[in-house]
Amino acid sequence: MIDLKELRRIALAATPGQWVSWPTGMDRADMRDIQGVLHSHNHTPYVGKNNADHICAFSPATALALLDGLERCRTALQAALRALATRRATLELIANHGGALGDVQAIARNALGGE
């Protein structure tokens, strides 16, 4: 099971804002320039570790597991909303027919697919 509180803690510790990937073909001089920029923005050595922890924690497997869980929740919510709509329609039919026992039974059988 994924520890969502721990993932949140790790994400909050990482560098905020939008992350970008660096172009391929960078040389050591480019890396020194980047390190200078990071240093000039008061990034501490912990920032690099926090970002590395973030990257490791949010691995492709973790991201896919989170997306799978979200998809399952959406599917369950859609099914619950459909069931709720069916029950509401059945109750409206009962109310519109005066609630006579024979009508209620017929409506219920119809709502259950003729069982």
Protein backbone atom coordinates (compact mmCIF):
# COMPACT_ATOMS: atom_id res chain seq x y z
CA MET A 1 0.00 0.00 0.00
CA ILE A 2 1.26 3.47 -0.84
CA ASP A 3 1.85 5.76 2.16
CA LEU A 4 0.15 8.93 0.91
CA LYS A 5 1.22 11.01 3.93
CA GLU A 6 4.86 10.10 3.32
CA LEU A 7 4.57 10.91 -0.40
CA ARG A 8 3.04 14.27 0.50
CA ARG A 9 5.86 15.00 2.98
CA ILE A 10 8.48 14.15 0.36
CA ALA A 11 6.76 16.25 -2.32
CA LEU A 12 6.53 19.24 0.00
CA ALA A 13 10.24 18.96 0.83
CA ALA A 14 11.25 19.04 -2.85
CA THR A 15 11.89 22.24 -4.79
CA PRO A 16 8.53 23.95 -5.41
CA GLY A 17 7.36 25.14 -8.80
CA GLN A 18 7.45 23.63 -12.24
CA TRP A 19 10.34 21.30 -12.99
CA VAL A 20 11.92 21.17 -16.43
CA SER A 21 14.28 18.69 -18.00
CA TRP A 22 17.64 19.85 -19.28
CA PRO A 23 18.50 19.49 -22.95
CA THR A 24 20.75 16.63 -23.95
CA GLY A 25 24.37 17.31 -24.80
CA MET A 26 25.21 19.45 -21.77
CA ASP A 27 28.87 19.60 -20.85
CA ARG A 28 30.62 20.26 -17.52
CA ALA A 29 30.61 24.02 -18.09
CA ASP A 30 26.82 23.92 -18.46
CA MET A 31 26.56 21.96 -15.22
CA ARG A 32 28.75 24.54 -13.41
CA ASP A 33 26.44 27.29 -14.68
CA ILE A 34 23.43 25.41 -13.35
CA GLN A 35 25.11 24.85 -9.99
CA GLY A 36 25.90 28.57 -9.83
CA VAL A 37 22.27 29.43 -10.49
CA LEU A 38 21.11 26.99 -7.80
CA HIS A 39 23.66 28.39 -5.35
CA SER A 40 22.60 31.97 -6.12
CA HIS A 41 19.01 31.06 -5.24
CA ASN A 42 20.04 29.95 -1.76
CA HIS A 43 19.59 26.25 -2.46
CA THR A 44 21.23 24.19 0.23
CA PRO A 45 22.78 20.73 -0.17
CA TYR A 46 19.55 19.37 1.33
CA VAL A 47 17.62 20.57 -1.70
CA GLY A 48 19.47 18.10 -3.91
CA LYS A 49 18.78 15.25 -1.48
CA ASN A 50 15.14 16.29 -1.08
CA ASN A 51 14.72 16.40 -4.86
CA ALA A 52 16.41 13.01 -5.23
CA ASP A 53 14.12 11.57 -2.53
CA HIS A 54 11.16 13.02 -4.43
CA ILE A 55 12.23 11.48 -7.73
CA CYS A 56 12.78 8.09 -6.08
CA ALA A 57 9.48 8.17 -4.18
CA PHE A 58 7.48 9.14 -7.25
CA SER A 59 8.83 6.37 -9.42
CA PRO A 60 6.89 5.25 -12.49
CA ALA A 61 5.53 2.30 -10.47
CA THR A 62 4.25 4.66 -7.76
CA ALA A 63 2.74 7.04 -10.29
CA LEU A 64 0.98 4.16 -12.07
CA ALA A 65 -0.34 2.76 -8.78
CA LEU A 66 -1.72 6.18 -7.86
CA LEU A 67 -3.34 6.55 -11.29
CA ASP A 68 -4.82 3.04 -11.04
CA GLY A 69 -6.28 3.93 -7.63
CA LEU A 70 -7.72 7.16 -8.98
CA GLU A 71 -9.26 5.31 -11.92
CA ARG A 72 -10.84 2.73 -9.57
CA CYS A 73 -12.30 5.56 -7.45
CA ARG A 74 -13.74 7.28 -10.51
CA THR A 75 -15.27 4.03 -11.77
CA ALA A 76 -16.80 3.30 -8.35
CA LEU A 77 -18.18 6.84 -8.13
CA GLN A 78 -19.74 6.58 -11.59
CA ALA A 79 -21.37 3.25 -10.67
CA ALA A 80 -22.69 4.69 -7.41
CA LEU A 81 -24.13 7.71 -9.25
CA ARG A 82 -25.85 5.44 -11.79
CA ALA A 83 -27.33 3.31 -8.98
CA LEU A 84 -28.50 6.44 -7.17
CA ALA A 85 -30.15 7.75 -10.33
CA THR A 86 -31.97 4.41 -10.82
CA ARG A 87 -33.21 4.42 -7.23
CA ARG A 88 -34.34 8.03 -7.52
CA ALA A 89 -36.26 7.26 -10.72
CA THR A 90 -37.90 4.27 -9.03
CA LEU A 91 -38.95 6.36 -6.04
CA GLU A 92 -40.36 9.04 -8.35
CA LEU A 93 -42.38 6.40 -10.21
CA ILE A 94 -43.73 5.06 -6.93
CA ALA A 95 -44.67 8.56 -5.78
CA ASN A 96 -46.35 9.35 -9.11
CA HIS A 97 -48.46 6.15 -8.96
CA GLY A 98 -49.84 6.84 -5.50
CA GLY A 99 -47.75 4.13 -3.87
CA ALA A 100 -50.33 1.33 -4.26
CA LEU A 101 -48.80 -2.04 -3.30
CA GLY A 102 -49.41 -3.62 -6.70
CA ASP A 103 -47.82 -0.66 -8.45
CA VAL A 104 -44.86 -0.72 -6.11
CA GLN A 105 -44.26 -4.42 -6.77
CA ALA A 106 -44.58 -3.98 -10.53
CA ILE A 107 -42.28 -0.99 -10.54
CA ALA A 108 -39.74 -2.82 -8.38
CA ARG A 109 -39.79 -5.86 -10.71
CA ASN A 110 -39.38 -3.58 -13.70
CA ALA A 111 -36.48 -1.73 -12.05
CA LEU A 112 -34.80 -5.06 -11.32
CA GLY A 113 -35.06 -6.14 -14.92
CA GLY A 114 -38.21 -8.25 -14.64
CA GLU A 115 -36.93 -10.60 -11.95
